[in-house]
Amino acid sequence: MSANTENRPETSSGEPHSDFFETLNALRDSGAMNMMGAPRWLEENYDLNWADAKAVFISWTESFN
């Protein structure tokens, strides 16, 4: 699964991380990887820094509560 870095949401600007949730759900549903690797995948595929990628991942996991 490849991601388009041109349309990535800005996480440092205070926009909701939920813009990434559809992508993370599709990645999870594909079974292509263990989702514990998702922060690194976000970092590499969306050119996020580690803190932003981890924050997106945590927000996504908390959305299941």
Protein backbone atom coordinates (compact mmCIF):
# COMPACT_ATOMS: atom_id res chain seq x y z
CA MET A 1 0.00 0.00 0.00
CA SER A 2 1.50 3.32 -0.98
CA ALA A 3 0.48 6.73 0.23
CA ASN A 4 0.29 10.06 -1.50
CA THR A 5 2.47 12.58 0.35
CA GLU A 6 1.13 15.54 -1.65
CA ASN A 7 -2.27 15.44 0.08
CA ARG A 8 -1.22 14.59 3.60
CA PRO A 9 -2.94 16.48 6.40
CA GLU A 10 -0.82 18.79 8.50
CA THR A 11 -0.62 17.47 12.04
CA SER A 12 1.42 20.23 13.67
CA SER A 13 -1.13 22.88 12.72
CA GLY A 14 -3.75 21.59 15.14
CA GLU A 15 -5.91 19.88 12.51
CA PRO A 16 -7.58 16.66 13.67
CA HIS A 17 -5.62 13.48 13.17
CA SER A 18 -8.82 11.81 12.01
CA ASP A 19 -7.84 12.71 8.46
CA PHE A 20 -5.46 9.75 8.67
CA PHE A 21 -7.97 7.29 10.14
CA GLU A 22 -9.37 6.08 6.81
CA THR A 23 -5.85 5.28 5.61
CA LEU A 24 -5.00 3.48 8.85
CA ASN A 25 -8.26 1.51 8.72
CA ALA A 26 -7.49 0.43 5.13
CA LEU A 27 -3.97 -0.57 6.15
CA ARG A 28 -5.32 -2.60 9.08
CA ASP A 29 -8.00 -4.25 6.92
CA SER A 30 -5.42 -5.20 4.28
CA GLY A 31 -3.52 -7.31 6.81
CA ALA A 32 -0.30 -6.14 5.13
CA MET A 33 1.43 -5.36 8.41
CA ASN A 34 1.26 -5.51 12.18
CA MET A 35 -0.30 -2.19 13.16
CA MET A 36 2.32 -1.62 15.84
CA GLY A 37 4.48 -0.62 12.87
CA ALA A 38 1.97 2.02 11.75
CA PRO A 39 3.75 5.00 13.33
CA ARG A 40 6.91 4.22 11.37
CA TRP A 41 4.80 3.62 8.23
CA LEU A 42 3.14 7.02 8.70
CA GLU A 43 6.51 8.64 9.27
CA GLU A 44 7.92 7.16 6.05
CA ASN A 45 4.87 7.43 3.78
CA TYR A 46 3.57 10.82 4.86
CA ASP A 47 6.89 12.46 5.68
CA LEU A 48 5.80 13.04 9.28
CA ASN A 49 8.22 13.48 12.13
CA TRP A 50 8.18 10.75 14.77
CA ALA A 51 6.16 12.77 17.30
CA ASP A 52 3.40 13.55 14.78
CA ALA A 53 3.28 9.98 13.49
CA LYS A 54 3.01 8.62 17.03
CA ALA A 55 0.31 11.18 17.93
CA VAL A 56 -1.74 10.18 14.88
CA PHE A 57 -1.40 6.50 15.78
CA ILE A 58 -2.42 7.09 19.40
CA SER A 59 -5.44 9.16 18.32
CA TRP A 60 -6.45 6.38 15.91
CA THR A 61 -6.17 3.66 18.56
CA GLU A 62 -8.13 5.77 21.07
CA SER A 63 -10.94 6.16 18.53
CA PHE A 64 -11.83 2.51 19.20
CA ASN A 65 -12.74 3.20 22.85
